[in-house]
């Protein structure tokens, strides 16, 4: 998935891998190249994105395992 508009174009890649029957590993990779004012905020954006991704993945895991 790629976002090319705005001050923070970003590419998100999801990799799904079957570990064993009934177990799947998912990797989430975000890559971006901020410009302008967003470049200054990059360290904070990185922390915020990591926190949001972690929270979202925990929620997804809970849904899938229920």
N, C-alpha and C. Protein backbone atom coordinates (compact mmCIF):
# COMPACT_ATOMS: atom_id res chain seq x y z
N UNK A 1 0.86 -1.15 0.00
CA UNK A 1 0.00 0.00 0.00
C UNK A 1 0.92 1.22 0.00
N UNK A 2 0.64 2.18 -0.89
CA UNK A 2 1.48 3.35 -1.01
C UNK A 2 0.64 4.62 -0.99
N UNK A 3 1.11 5.60 -0.24
CA UNK A 3 0.52 6.94 -0.23
C UNK A 3 1.54 7.87 -0.85
N UNK A 4 1.19 8.53 -1.94
CA UNK A 4 2.16 9.37 -2.62
C UNK A 4 1.85 10.86 -2.50
N UNK A 5 0.72 11.20 -1.94
CA UNK A 5 0.34 12.60 -1.80
C UNK A 5 0.64 13.10 -0.40
N UNK A 6 0.73 14.41 -0.26
CA UNK A 6 0.92 15.02 1.04
C UNK A 6 2.39 15.17 1.40
N UNK A 7 2.61 15.66 2.61
CA UNK A 7 3.97 15.92 3.07
C UNK A 7 4.67 14.69 3.60
N UNK A 8 3.95 13.60 3.73
CA UNK A 8 4.56 12.39 4.29
C UNK A 8 4.18 11.18 3.43
N UNK A 9 4.75 11.09 2.21
CA UNK A 9 4.47 9.91 1.39
C UNK A 9 5.03 8.67 2.08
N UNK A 10 4.28 7.58 2.04
CA UNK A 10 4.68 6.40 2.80
C UNK A 10 4.28 5.14 2.06
N UNK A 11 5.08 4.11 2.24
CA UNK A 11 4.77 2.79 1.70
C UNK A 11 4.65 1.82 2.86
N UNK A 12 3.57 1.07 2.89
CA UNK A 12 3.34 0.07 3.92
C UNK A 12 3.30 -1.30 3.26
N UNK A 13 4.07 -2.22 3.80
CA UNK A 13 4.14 -3.57 3.25
C UNK A 13 3.70 -4.55 4.34
N UNK A 14 2.82 -5.46 3.96
CA UNK A 14 2.38 -6.53 4.85
C UNK A 14 2.92 -7.84 4.28
N UNK A 15 3.59 -8.62 5.12
CA UNK A 15 4.10 -9.93 4.70
C UNK A 15 3.48 -10.98 5.61
N UNK A 16 2.79 -11.91 4.99
CA UNK A 16 2.12 -12.98 5.73
C UNK A 16 2.87 -14.29 5.48
N UNK A 17 3.18 -15.03 6.55
CA UNK A 17 3.92 -16.28 6.42
C UNK A 17 3.30 -17.33 7.34
N UNK A 18 2.95 -18.47 6.78
CA UNK A 18 2.42 -19.56 7.59
C UNK A 18 3.57 -20.21 8.35
N UNK A 19 3.45 -20.24 9.66
CA UNK A 19 4.48 -20.85 10.50
C UNK A 19 4.21 -22.34 10.64
N UNK A 20 3.05 -22.65 11.14
CA UNK A 20 2.55 -24.03 11.22
C UNK A 20 1.08 -23.95 10.90
N UNK A 21 0.44 -25.09 10.78
CA UNK A 21 -1.00 -25.06 10.52
C UNK A 21 -1.70 -24.36 11.68
N UNK A 22 -2.43 -23.33 11.36
CA UNK A 22 -3.14 -22.58 12.39
C UNK A 22 -2.36 -21.41 12.96
N UNK A 23 -1.11 -21.24 12.53
CA UNK A 23 -0.30 -20.12 13.00
C UNK A 23 0.26 -19.35 11.81
N UNK A 24 0.06 -18.06 11.84
CA UNK A 24 0.55 -17.20 10.77
C UNK A 24 1.33 -16.04 11.37
N UNK A 25 2.46 -15.73 10.77
CA UNK A 25 3.27 -14.59 11.18
C UNK A 25 3.02 -13.46 10.19
N UNK A 26 2.79 -12.26 10.73
CA UNK A 26 2.61 -11.10 9.87
C UNK A 26 3.68 -10.08 10.19
N UNK A 27 4.33 -9.56 9.16
CA UNK A 27 5.30 -8.48 9.32
C UNK A 27 4.68 -7.23 8.72
N UNK A 28 4.83 -6.13 9.41
CA UNK A 28 4.33 -4.84 8.94
C UNK A 28 5.53 -3.92 8.81
N UNK A 29 5.78 -3.43 7.61
CA UNK A 29 6.93 -2.58 7.36
C UNK A 29 6.44 -1.25 6.81
N UNK A 30 6.78 -0.16 7.49
CA UNK A 30 6.44 1.19 7.03
C UNK A 30 7.72 1.90 6.62
N UNK A 31 7.70 2.52 5.48
CA UNK A 31 8.84 3.31 5.01
C UNK A 31 8.32 4.62 4.44
N UNK A 32 8.94 5.70 4.83
CA UNK A 32 8.49 6.99 4.34
C UNK A 32 9.62 7.98 4.22
N UNK A 33 9.37 9.02 3.48
CA UNK A 33 10.34 10.08 3.26
C UNK A 33 9.65 11.42 3.49
N UNK A 34 9.60 11.90 4.71
CA UNK A 34 8.89 13.15 4.98
C UNK A 34 9.63 14.33 4.37
N UNK A 35 8.86 15.36 4.03
CA UNK A 35 9.47 16.57 3.49
C UNK A 35 8.91 17.78 4.22
N UNK A 36 9.56 18.90 4.04
CA UNK A 36 9.10 20.13 4.66
C UNK A 36 9.11 20.05 6.18
N UNK A 37 8.07 20.61 6.78
CA UNK A 37 7.95 20.64 8.23
C UNK A 37 7.90 19.24 8.83
N UNK A 38 7.31 18.31 8.09
CA UNK A 38 7.18 16.94 8.60
C UNK A 38 8.56 16.29 8.80
N UNK A 39 9.56 16.71 8.03
CA UNK A 39 10.91 16.15 8.19
C UNK A 39 11.46 16.47 9.57
N UNK A 40 11.12 17.63 10.09
CA UNK A 40 11.57 18.02 11.43
C UNK A 40 10.91 17.13 12.49
N UNK A 41 9.68 16.75 12.23
CA UNK A 41 8.91 15.94 13.19
C UNK A 41 9.14 14.44 13.03
N UNK A 42 10.00 14.04 12.12
CA UNK A 42 10.19 12.62 11.83
C UNK A 42 10.43 11.75 13.06
N UNK A 43 11.32 12.13 13.99
CA UNK A 43 11.53 11.25 15.16
C UNK A 43 10.26 11.04 15.97
N UNK A 44 9.44 12.07 16.09
CA UNK A 44 8.20 11.96 16.85
C UNK A 44 7.16 11.15 16.09
N UNK A 45 7.14 11.34 14.77
CA UNK A 45 6.21 10.58 13.94
C UNK A 45 6.54 9.09 14.00
N UNK A 46 7.84 8.78 14.01
CA UNK A 46 8.27 7.38 14.09
C UNK A 46 7.75 6.73 15.38
N UNK A 47 7.92 7.43 16.50
CA UNK A 47 7.44 6.89 17.78
C UNK A 47 5.92 6.75 17.78
N UNK A 48 5.21 7.74 17.25
CA UNK A 48 3.75 7.70 17.21
C UNK A 48 3.26 6.58 16.32
N UNK A 49 3.91 6.39 15.17
CA UNK A 49 3.51 5.31 14.26
C UNK A 49 3.77 3.95 14.87
N UNK A 50 4.90 3.80 15.54
CA UNK A 50 5.23 2.52 16.18
C UNK A 50 4.20 2.18 17.26
N UNK A 51 3.84 3.18 18.05
CA UNK A 51 2.84 2.98 19.10
C UNK A 51 1.47 2.63 18.52
N UNK A 52 1.07 3.37 17.48
CA UNK A 52 -0.24 3.10 16.85
C UNK A 52 -0.25 1.73 16.20
N UNK A 53 0.83 1.35 15.52
CA UNK A 53 0.90 0.03 14.89
C UNK A 53 0.82 -1.07 15.94
N UNK A 54 1.54 -0.91 17.03
CA UNK A 54 1.52 -1.91 18.10
C UNK A 54 0.12 -2.08 18.66
N UNK A 55 -0.53 -0.97 18.92
CA UNK A 55 -1.90 -1.00 19.46
C UNK A 55 -2.86 -1.67 18.46
N UNK A 56 -2.74 -1.30 17.19
CA UNK A 56 -3.62 -1.88 16.16
C UNK A 56 -3.38 -3.37 16.00
N UNK A 57 -2.12 -3.79 16.04
CA UNK A 57 -1.82 -5.21 15.88
C UNK A 57 -2.28 -6.04 17.07
N UNK A 58 -2.19 -5.48 18.27
CA UNK A 58 -2.72 -6.18 19.45
C UNK A 58 -4.23 -6.36 19.33
N UNK A 59 -4.90 -5.34 18.83
CA UNK A 59 -6.36 -5.42 18.65
C UNK A 59 -6.70 -6.44 17.58
N UNK A 60 -5.95 -6.43 16.48
CA UNK A 60 -6.17 -7.41 15.41
C UNK A 60 -5.96 -8.82 15.93
N UNK A 61 -4.90 -9.04 16.69
CA UNK A 61 -4.62 -10.36 17.26
C UNK A 61 -5.77 -10.82 18.16
N UNK A 62 -6.27 -9.91 18.98
CA UNK A 62 -7.37 -10.23 19.87
C UNK A 62 -8.61 -10.64 19.08
N UNK A 63 -8.89 -9.93 18.01
CA UNK A 63 -10.05 -10.23 17.17
C UNK A 63 -9.88 -11.59 16.50
N UNK A 64 -8.71 -11.83 15.93
CA UNK A 64 -8.48 -13.07 15.20
C UNK A 64 -8.46 -14.30 16.11
N UNK A 65 -8.04 -14.12 17.36
CA UNK A 65 -7.95 -15.26 18.26
C UNK A 65 -9.21 -15.49 19.08
N UNK A 66 -10.20 -14.64 18.91
CA UNK A 66 -11.44 -14.83 19.70
C UNK A 66 -12.42 -15.73 18.99
